[in-house]
Amino acid sequence: MSEPIRIVVLAGATFSTGLVAGLFFAFACSVMPGLGATDDRTLVGAMQSINRKILNGWFLSVFLGGPLLVVAAVLGHLGAGGAVLGWLVAALVCHLVTFAVTVRSNVPLNDQLDAAGSVDASTDLAAIRRRFEGPWVRWNLVRTVSSAAALACLIGALLAR
């Protein structure tokens, strides 16, 4: 991989990772606390809608694109070694944590929330909320930290260059 392509790949990985980390951070410090201050119907209905709408090309391209670009950056720096490669491997590990938490925890919670049906047809919104809100918030905090750590590692790789 040529040097200009390595730089572009690393910059793209950093940019997309920053977007994802920012999204998870926004949920952790504003969206979920804001919804937490509302009634059961509002929280359940809003999160059902958000969970449906977030599955779009923009989100998926940065959520999946960041880790894929980090893999490309690792492969592009294999011969170079040194601090840059170390930072990139650390970023990849953090991305794997983020991906695993999302797939094993947040997505199943989103699916359970969706399976509960419409807020108009649900008979016990408080129980639905209890099963969803606390665990989802905790796992989102884990992926917020892991994605922010991935971003910090990518900044470290950029600075080491």
N, C-alpha and C. Protein backbone atom coordinates (compact mmCIF):
# COMPACT_ATOMS: atom_id res chain seq x y z
N MET A 1 0.86 -1.17 0.00
CA MET A 1 0.00 0.00 0.00
C MET A 1 0.91 1.23 0.00
N SER A 2 0.62 2.16 -0.88
CA SER A 2 1.44 3.37 -0.97
C SER A 2 1.19 4.27 0.24
N GLU A 3 2.14 5.13 0.50
CA GLU A 3 2.04 6.04 1.65
C GLU A 3 0.81 6.95 1.60
N PRO A 4 0.50 7.57 0.46
CA PRO A 4 -0.72 8.41 0.43
C PRO A 4 -2.00 7.61 0.72
N ILE A 5 -2.06 6.38 0.25
CA ILE A 5 -3.25 5.55 0.51
C ILE A 5 -3.31 5.18 1.98
N ARG A 6 -2.16 4.86 2.59
CA ARG A 6 -2.14 4.58 4.03
C ARG A 6 -2.69 5.75 4.83
N ILE A 7 -2.29 6.94 4.46
CA ILE A 7 -2.74 8.15 5.18
C ILE A 7 -4.25 8.34 5.02
N VAL A 8 -4.74 8.16 3.81
CA VAL A 8 -6.18 8.32 3.55
C VAL A 8 -6.98 7.27 4.32
N VAL A 9 -6.51 6.03 4.32
CA VAL A 9 -7.20 4.95 5.04
C VAL A 9 -7.21 5.26 6.53
N LEU A 10 -6.08 5.66 7.08
CA LEU A 10 -6.01 5.99 8.51
C LEU A 10 -6.90 7.18 8.85
N ALA A 11 -6.91 8.19 8.00
CA ALA A 11 -7.78 9.35 8.24
C ALA A 11 -9.25 8.95 8.18
N GLY A 12 -9.61 8.11 7.20
CA GLY A 12 -10.99 7.64 7.09
C GLY A 12 -11.41 6.81 8.29
N ALA A 13 -10.50 5.95 8.76
CA ALA A 13 -10.79 5.14 9.95
C ALA A 13 -11.01 6.03 11.16
N THR A 14 -10.17 7.04 11.29
CA THR A 14 -10.29 7.97 12.42
C THR A 14 -11.60 8.75 12.35
N PHE A 15 -11.93 9.23 11.17
CA PHE A 15 -13.16 10.01 10.98
C PHE A 15 -14.40 9.17 11.30
N SER A 16 -14.49 7.99 10.71
CA SER A 16 -15.68 7.16 10.92
C SER A 16 -15.77 6.69 12.37
N THR A 17 -14.64 6.39 12.98
CA THR A 17 -14.64 5.99 14.39
C THR A 17 -15.11 7.14 15.27
N GLY A 18 -14.68 8.35 14.94
CA GLY A 18 -15.12 9.53 15.69
C GLY A 18 -16.62 9.75 15.59
N LEU A 19 -17.18 9.52 14.42
CA LEU A 19 -18.63 9.67 14.25
C LEU A 19 -19.39 8.68 15.12
N VAL A 20 -18.95 7.42 15.11
CA VAL A 20 -19.63 6.39 15.90
C VAL A 20 -19.47 6.66 17.39
N ALA A 21 -18.25 7.00 17.81
CA ALA A 21 -18.03 7.31 19.23
C ALA A 21 -18.91 8.49 19.66
N GLY A 22 -19.02 9.48 18.80
CA GLY A 22 -19.88 10.64 19.10
C GLY A 22 -21.34 10.27 19.21
N LEU A 23 -21.79 9.37 18.34
CA LEU A 23 -23.19 8.92 18.40
C LEU A 23 -23.47 8.21 19.72
N PHE A 24 -22.60 7.27 20.08
CA PHE A 24 -22.82 6.54 21.33
C PHE A 24 -22.72 7.47 22.53
N PHE A 25 -21.79 8.43 22.47
CA PHE A 25 -21.64 9.41 23.55
C PHE A 25 -22.91 10.27 23.67
N ALA A 26 -23.46 10.68 22.54
CA ALA A 26 -24.68 11.49 22.57
C ALA A 26 -25.83 10.72 23.22
N PHE A 27 -25.94 9.43 22.91
CA PHE A 27 -26.96 8.62 23.57
C PHE A 27 -26.69 8.54 25.07
N ALA A 28 -25.41 8.36 25.45
CA ALA A 28 -25.07 8.20 26.87
C ALA A 28 -25.32 9.46 27.68
N CYS A 29 -25.06 10.62 27.10
CA CYS A 29 -25.12 11.83 27.93
C CYS A 29 -26.33 12.71 27.65
N SER A 30 -27.12 12.40 26.61
CA SER A 30 -28.27 13.26 26.37
C SER A 30 -29.55 12.50 26.00
N VAL A 31 -29.48 11.61 25.02
CA VAL A 31 -30.69 10.95 24.55
C VAL A 31 -31.31 10.09 25.64
N MET A 32 -30.53 9.18 26.21
CA MET A 32 -31.10 8.28 27.21
C MET A 32 -31.44 9.00 28.52
N PRO A 33 -30.61 9.92 29.01
CA PRO A 33 -31.05 10.68 30.19
C PRO A 33 -32.32 11.48 29.91
N GLY A 34 -32.43 12.04 28.70
CA GLY A 34 -33.64 12.78 28.34
C GLY A 34 -34.86 11.88 28.30
N LEU A 35 -34.72 10.73 27.65
CA LEU A 35 -35.84 9.79 27.61
C LEU A 35 -36.11 9.19 28.98
N GLY A 36 -35.06 9.05 29.79
CA GLY A 36 -35.23 8.52 31.14
C GLY A 36 -36.11 9.39 32.01
N ALA A 37 -36.17 10.66 31.66
CA ALA A 37 -37.00 11.60 32.43
C ALA A 37 -38.45 11.63 31.94
N THR A 38 -38.76 10.78 30.96
CA THR A 38 -40.13 10.77 30.43
C THR A 38 -40.89 9.56 30.95
N ASP A 39 -42.15 9.46 30.54
CA ASP A 39 -42.98 8.33 30.96
C ASP A 39 -42.65 7.09 30.12
N ASP A 40 -43.18 5.94 30.54
CA ASP A 40 -42.90 4.66 29.90
C ASP A 40 -43.28 4.67 28.42
N ARG A 41 -44.43 5.19 28.12
CA ARG A 41 -44.92 5.22 26.74
C ARG A 41 -43.97 5.99 25.84
N THR A 42 -43.50 7.13 26.31
CA THR A 42 -42.61 7.96 25.50
C THR A 42 -41.28 7.26 25.27
N LEU A 43 -40.69 6.72 26.33
CA LEU A 43 -39.39 6.05 26.18
C LEU A 43 -39.50 4.85 25.24
N VAL A 44 -40.46 3.99 25.47
CA VAL A 44 -40.60 2.78 24.65
C VAL A 44 -40.87 3.16 23.20
N GLY A 45 -41.81 4.05 22.97
CA GLY A 45 -42.15 4.46 21.61
C GLY A 45 -41.00 5.15 20.90
N ALA A 46 -40.32 6.04 21.59
CA ALA A 46 -39.19 6.75 20.98
C ALA A 46 -38.06 5.79 20.63
N MET A 47 -37.73 4.89 21.55
CA MET A 47 -36.63 3.96 21.27
C MET A 47 -36.99 2.97 20.17
N GLN A 48 -38.25 2.56 20.10
CA GLN A 48 -38.66 1.70 18.99
C GLN A 48 -38.45 2.42 17.66
N SER A 49 -38.83 3.67 17.61
CA SER A 49 -38.68 4.45 16.39
C SER A 49 -37.21 4.69 16.05
N ILE A 50 -36.42 5.06 17.05
CA ILE A 50 -34.98 5.28 16.83
C ILE A 50 -34.32 4.01 16.34
N ASN A 51 -34.63 2.88 16.96
CA ASN A 51 -34.01 1.61 16.58
C ASN A 51 -34.34 1.21 15.15
N ARG A 52 -35.50 1.57 14.68
CA ARG A 52 -35.86 1.28 13.29
C ARG A 52 -35.15 2.22 12.33
N LYS A 53 -35.10 3.49 12.69
CA LYS A 53 -34.54 4.50 11.79
C LYS A 53 -33.02 4.48 11.71
N ILE A 54 -32.35 3.99 12.75
CA ILE A 54 -30.88 4.01 12.73
C ILE A 54 -30.31 2.98 11.77
N LEU A 55 -31.10 2.00 11.40
CA LEU A 55 -30.64 0.99 10.44
C LEU A 55 -30.74 1.56 9.03
N ASN A 56 -29.76 2.40 8.70
CA ASN A 56 -29.72 3.05 7.39
C ASN A 56 -28.29 3.05 6.88
N GLY A 57 -28.14 3.39 5.63
CA GLY A 57 -26.82 3.35 5.00
C GLY A 57 -25.79 4.25 5.64
N TRP A 58 -26.21 5.40 6.10
CA TRP A 58 -25.25 6.33 6.74
C TRP A 58 -24.65 5.72 7.99
N PHE A 59 -25.53 5.23 8.87
CA PHE A 59 -25.04 4.63 10.11
C PHE A 59 -24.21 3.38 9.82
N LEU A 60 -24.74 2.49 9.02
CA LEU A 60 -24.05 1.23 8.77
C LEU A 60 -22.70 1.45 8.09
N SER A 61 -22.60 2.46 7.22
CA SER A 61 -21.32 2.70 6.54
C SER A 61 -20.24 3.14 7.51
N VAL A 62 -20.58 3.94 8.52
CA VAL A 62 -19.55 4.35 9.48
C VAL A 62 -19.36 3.31 10.57
N PHE A 63 -20.43 2.65 11.00
CA PHE A 63 -20.31 1.63 12.05
C PHE A 63 -19.46 0.46 11.57
N LEU A 64 -19.68 0.01 10.34
CA LEU A 64 -18.90 -1.09 9.78
C LEU A 64 -17.63 -0.60 9.09
N GLY A 65 -17.71 0.59 8.53
CA GLY A 65 -16.57 1.14 7.79
C GLY A 65 -15.37 1.44 8.67
N GLY A 66 -15.59 1.92 9.89
CA GLY A 66 -14.48 2.22 10.79
C GLY A 66 -13.61 1.00 11.05
N PRO A 67 -14.20 -0.10 11.52
CA PRO A 67 -13.38 -1.29 11.77
C PRO A 67 -12.73 -1.84 10.50
N LEU A 68 -13.47 -1.80 9.37
CA LEU A 68 -12.89 -2.31 8.13
C LEU A 68 -11.70 -1.46 7.68
N LEU A 69 -11.81 -0.15 7.86
CA LEU A 69 -10.69 0.72 7.52
C LEU A 69 -9.52 0.51 8.47
N VAL A 70 -9.80 0.21 9.73
CA VAL A 70 -8.71 -0.08 10.67
C VAL A 70 -8.00 -1.37 10.25
N VAL A 71 -8.76 -2.38 9.85
CA VAL A 71 -8.14 -3.61 9.35
C VAL A 71 -7.25 -3.29 8.15
N ALA A 72 -7.76 -2.48 7.23
CA ALA A 72 -6.97 -2.09 6.06
C ALA A 72 -5.71 -1.33 6.49
N ALA A 73 -5.85 -0.47 7.49
CA ALA A 73 -4.69 0.30 7.97
C ALA A 73 -3.67 -0.64 8.61
N VAL A 74 -4.14 -1.62 9.39
CA VAL A 74 -3.22 -2.59 10.00
C VAL A 74 -2.47 -3.33 8.90
N LEU A 75 -3.20 -3.82 7.91
CA LEU A 75 -2.56 -4.56 6.81
C LEU A 75 -1.58 -3.67 6.05
N GLY A 76 -1.93 -2.42 5.87
CA GLY A 76 -1.06 -1.48 5.17
C GLY A 76 0.18 -1.10 5.95
N HIS A 77 0.17 -1.30 7.26
CA HIS A 77 1.32 -0.94 8.10
C HIS A 77 2.08 -2.16 8.62
N LEU A 78 1.73 -3.35 8.17
CA LEU A 78 2.39 -4.56 8.67
C LEU A 78 3.90 -4.52 8.46
N GLY A 79 4.34 -4.09 7.32
CA GLY A 79 5.78 -4.03 7.05
C GLY A 79 6.48 -2.93 7.81
N ALA A 80 5.73 -1.88 8.17
CA ALA A 80 6.33 -0.72 8.83
C ALA A 80 6.57 -0.98 10.32
N GLY A 81 5.67 -1.72 10.96
CA GLY A 81 5.80 -2.01 12.40
C GLY A 81 5.79 -0.74 13.22
N GLY A 82 6.44 -0.79 14.36
CA GLY A 82 6.59 0.38 15.21
C GLY A 82 5.33 0.79 15.94
N ALA A 83 5.38 2.02 16.42
CA ALA A 83 4.31 2.55 17.26
C ALA A 83 2.99 2.67 16.50
N VAL A 84 3.05 3.01 15.22
CA VAL A 84 1.82 3.17 14.45
C VAL A 84 1.04 1.85 14.44
N LEU A 85 1.74 0.78 14.16
CA LEU A 85 1.08 -0.53 14.11
C LEU A 85 0.51 -0.90 15.48
N GLY A 86 1.22 -0.61 16.54
CA GLY A 86 0.73 -0.89 17.88
C GLY A 86 -0.57 -0.15 18.18
N TRP A 87 -0.60 1.13 17.83
CA TRP A 87 -1.83 1.92 18.02
C TRP A 87 -2.97 1.36 17.19
N LEU A 88 -2.67 0.94 15.96
CA LEU A 88 -3.72 0.41 15.08
C LEU A 88 -4.29 -0.91 15.61
N VAL A 89 -3.44 -1.77 16.10
CA VAL A 89 -3.91 -3.04 16.67
C VAL A 89 -4.77 -2.77 17.90
N ALA A 90 -4.34 -1.83 18.73
CA ALA A 90 -5.15 -1.47 19.92
C ALA A 90 -6.51 -0.92 19.49
N ALA A 91 -6.53 -0.09 18.44
CA ALA A 91 -7.80 0.46 17.93
C ALA A 91 -8.69 -0.66 17.43
N LEU A 92 -8.10 -1.63 16.76
CA LEU A 92 -8.89 -2.75 16.24
C LEU A 92 -9.50 -3.56 17.38
N VAL A 93 -8.74 -3.80 18.43
CA VAL A 93 -9.27 -4.53 19.60
C VAL A 93 -10.45 -3.76 20.20
N CYS A 94 -10.30 -2.45 20.33
CA CYS A 94 -11.41 -1.63 20.87
C CYS A 94 -12.63 -1.70 19.96
N HIS A 95 -12.41 -1.68 18.64
CA HIS A 95 -13.53 -1.81 17.71
C HIS A 95 -14.22 -3.16 17.86
N LEU A 96 -13.45 -4.19 18.08
CA LEU A 96 -14.04 -5.52 18.26
C LEU A 96 -14.91 -5.56 19.51
N VAL A 97 -14.48 -4.89 20.56
CA VAL A 97 -15.30 -4.79 21.78
C VAL A 97 -16.61 -4.07 21.46
N THR A 98 -16.51 -2.93 20.78
CA THR A 98 -17.70 -2.16 20.42
C THR A 98 -18.66 -3.01 19.59
N PHE A 99 -18.13 -3.69 18.59
CA PHE A 99 -18.96 -4.52 17.72
C PHE A 99 -19.62 -5.65 18.50
N ALA A 100 -18.83 -6.33 19.33
CA ALA A 100 -19.35 -7.45 20.12
C ALA A 100 -20.45 -7.01 21.07
N VAL A 101 -20.25 -5.90 21.76
CA VAL A 101 -21.27 -5.40 22.69
C VAL A 101 -22.54 -5.03 21.93
N THR A 102 -22.38 -4.39 20.78
CA THR A 102 -23.55 -4.00 20.00
C THR A 102 -24.33 -5.23 19.55
N VAL A 103 -23.63 -6.20 19.00
CA VAL A 103 -24.29 -7.38 18.44
C VAL A 103 -24.85 -8.31 19.52
N ARG A 104 -24.12 -8.46 20.63
CA ARG A 104 -24.54 -9.41 21.66
C ARG A 104 -25.45 -8.81 22.72
N SER A 105 -25.47 -7.48 22.84
CA SER A 105 -26.26 -6.88 23.92
C SER A 105 -27.27 -5.86 23.42
N ASN A 106 -26.81 -4.78 22.80
CA ASN A 106 -27.73 -3.71 22.43
C ASN A 106 -28.74 -4.13 21.36
N VAL A 107 -28.27 -4.83 20.33
CA VAL A 107 -29.19 -5.25 19.26
C VAL A 107 -30.25 -6.22 19.79
N PRO A 108 -29.88 -7.24 20.58
CA PRO A 108 -30.93 -8.10 21.12
C PRO A 108 -31.94 -7.34 22.01
N LEU A 109 -31.46 -6.38 22.76
CA LEU A 109 -32.39 -5.56 23.56
C LEU A 109 -33.30 -4.75 22.65
N ASN A 110 -32.75 -4.20 21.56
CA ASN A 110 -33.57 -3.47 20.59
C ASN A 110 -34.62 -4.40 19.97
N ASP A 111 -34.19 -5.62 19.64
CA ASP A 111 -35.13 -6.59 19.04
C ASP A 111 -36.24 -6.96 20.02
N GLN A 112 -35.90 -7.13 21.30
CA GLN A 112 -36.92 -7.43 22.31
C GLN A 112 -37.91 -6.27 22.44
N LEU A 113 -37.38 -5.07 22.40
CA LEU A 113 -38.24 -3.89 22.49
C LEU A 113 -39.19 -3.83 21.30
N ASP A 114 -38.67 -4.11 20.12
CA ASP A 114 -39.51 -4.10 18.92
C ASP A 114 -40.56 -5.21 18.98
N ALA A 115 -40.17 -6.38 19.49
CA ALA A 115 -41.10 -7.51 19.58
C ALA A 115 -42.23 -7.25 20.57
N ALA A 116 -42.05 -6.29 21.47
CA ALA A 116 -43.10 -5.96 22.44
C ALA A 116 -44.32 -5.36 21.76
N GLY A 117 -44.14 -4.92 20.53
CA GLY A 117 -45.27 -4.38 19.77
C GLY A 117 -45.49 -2.90 20.01
N SER A 118 -46.52 -2.42 19.41
CA SER A 118 -46.87 -1.00 19.47
C SER A 118 -47.18 -0.57 20.91
N VAL A 119 -46.81 0.66 21.22
CA VAL A 119 -47.12 1.18 22.56
C VAL A 119 -48.63 1.25 22.78
N ASP A 120 -49.37 1.37 21.71
CA ASP A 120 -50.83 1.42 21.83
C ASP A 120 -51.42 0.06 22.19
N ALA A 121 -50.72 -1.02 21.80
CA ALA A 121 -51.24 -2.37 22.05
C ALA A 121 -50.62 -3.01 23.29
N SER A 122 -49.57 -2.42 23.83
CA SER A 122 -48.88 -3.01 24.98
C SER A 122 -49.67 -2.79 26.26
N THR A 123 -49.70 -3.82 27.09
CA THR A 123 -50.47 -3.72 28.33
C THR A 123 -49.60 -3.35 29.53
N ASP A 124 -48.28 -3.60 29.45
CA ASP A 124 -47.42 -3.30 30.59
C ASP A 124 -46.14 -2.62 30.13
N LEU A 125 -46.26 -1.36 29.77
CA LEU A 125 -45.12 -0.59 29.29
C LEU A 125 -44.03 -0.44 30.35
N ALA A 126 -44.43 -0.40 31.61
CA ALA A 126 -43.44 -0.28 32.69
C ALA A 126 -42.52 -1.50 32.72
N ALA A 127 -43.07 -2.69 32.54
CA ALA A 127 -42.26 -3.91 32.53
C ALA A 127 -41.35 -3.95 31.30
N ILE A 128 -41.87 -3.54 30.18
CA ILE A 128 -41.07 -3.49 28.95
C ILE A 128 -39.89 -2.54 29.15
N ARG A 129 -40.18 -1.39 29.73
CA ARG A 129 -39.14 -0.40 29.97
C ARG A 129 -38.09 -0.95 30.94
N ARG A 130 -38.52 -1.59 32.02
CA ARG A 130 -37.58 -2.13 33.02
C ARG A 130 -36.62 -3.14 32.39
N ARG A 131 -37.13 -3.98 31.52
CA ARG A 131 -36.29 -5.00 30.88
C ARG A 131 -35.31 -4.37 29.89
N PHE A 132 -35.65 -3.23 29.35
CA PHE A 132 -34.85 -2.61 28.30
C PHE A 132 -33.89 -1.53 28.80
N GLU A 133 -34.41 -0.55 29.49
CA GLU A 133 -33.68 0.70 29.74
C GLU A 133 -32.35 0.51 30.48
N GLY A 134 -32.37 -0.09 31.64
CA GLY A 134 -31.15 -0.23 32.44
C GLY A 134 -30.05 -0.99 31.72
N PRO A 135 -30.35 -2.21 31.22
CA PRO A 135 -29.31 -2.95 30.50
C PRO A 135 -28.81 -2.23 29.25
N TRP A 136 -29.72 -1.61 28.50
CA TRP A 136 -29.32 -0.93 27.27
C TRP A 136 -28.39 0.23 27.58
N VAL A 137 -28.72 0.99 28.60
CA VAL A 137 -27.88 2.14 29.00
C VAL A 137 -26.50 1.65 29.44
N ARG A 138 -26.45 0.60 30.25
CA ARG A 138 -25.15 0.07 30.71
C ARG A 138 -24.29 -0.41 29.54
N TRP A 139 -24.86 -1.17 28.63
CA TRP A 139 -24.09 -1.68 27.50
C TRP A 139 -23.72 -0.55 26.55
N ASN A 140 -24.58 0.45 26.41
CA ASN A 140 -24.21 1.58 25.57
C ASN A 140 -23.01 2.33 26.17
N LEU A 141 -22.95 2.40 27.49
CA LEU A 141 -21.80 3.05 28.12
C LEU A 141 -20.52 2.27 27.82
N VAL A 142 -20.59 0.95 27.83
CA VAL A 142 -19.41 0.14 27.50
C VAL A 142 -18.95 0.43 26.08
N ARG A 143 -19.90 0.44 25.14
CA ARG A 143 -19.48 0.69 23.76
C ARG A 143 -19.11 2.14 23.52
N THR A 144 -19.61 3.05 24.33
CA THR A 144 -19.16 4.44 24.24
C THR A 144 -17.68 4.52 24.63
N VAL A 145 -17.33 3.87 25.72
CA VAL A 145 -15.93 3.87 26.18
C VAL A 145 -15.04 3.16 25.17
N SER A 146 -15.48 2.00 24.67
CA SER A 146 -14.62 1.25 23.73
C SER A 146 -14.46 1.98 22.41
N SER A 147 -15.50 2.64 21.93
CA SER A 147 -15.36 3.37 20.67
C SER A 147 -14.54 4.65 20.86
N ALA A 148 -14.68 5.30 22.02
CA ALA A 148 -13.84 6.47 22.31
C ALA A 148 -12.38 6.04 22.46
N ALA A 149 -12.15 4.88 23.04
CA ALA A 149 -10.77 4.36 23.16
C ALA A 149 -10.20 4.05 21.78
N ALA A 150 -11.02 3.49 20.89
CA ALA A 150 -10.57 3.23 19.51
C ALA A 150 -10.18 4.54 18.84
N LEU A 151 -10.99 5.57 19.04
CA LEU A 151 -10.68 6.88 18.47
C LEU A 151 -9.36 7.41 19.03
N ALA A 152 -9.17 7.30 20.34
CA ALA A 152 -7.92 7.76 20.96
C ALA A 152 -6.72 7.01 20.39
N CYS A 153 -6.88 5.71 20.18
CA CYS A 153 -5.78 4.92 19.61
C CYS A 153 -5.48 5.35 18.17
N LEU A 154 -6.50 5.65 17.41
CA LEU A 154 -6.28 6.11 16.04
C LEU A 154 -5.61 7.48 16.01
N ILE A 155 -5.98 8.32 16.95
CA ILE A 155 -5.27 9.62 17.07
C ILE A 155 -3.82 9.36 17.43
N GLY A 156 -3.59 8.39 18.33
CA GLY A 156 -2.22 8.01 18.66
C GLY A 156 -1.45 7.54 17.44
N ALA A 157 -2.10 6.75 16.57
CA ALA A 157 -1.46 6.29 15.34
C ALA A 157 -1.14 7.46 14.42
N LEU A 158 -2.06 8.40 14.31
CA LEU A 158 -1.81 9.59 13.48
C LEU A 158 -0.63 10.39 14.02
N LEU A 159 -0.58 10.56 15.33
CA LEU A 159 0.51 11.34 15.94
C LEU A 159 1.84 10.60 15.84
N ALA A 160 1.80 9.28 15.88
CA ALA A 160 3.04 8.49 15.77
C ALA A 160 3.61 8.53 14.37
N ARG A 161 2.77 8.85 13.39
CA ARG A 161 3.26 8.94 12.01
C ARG A 161 4.17 10.12 11.91
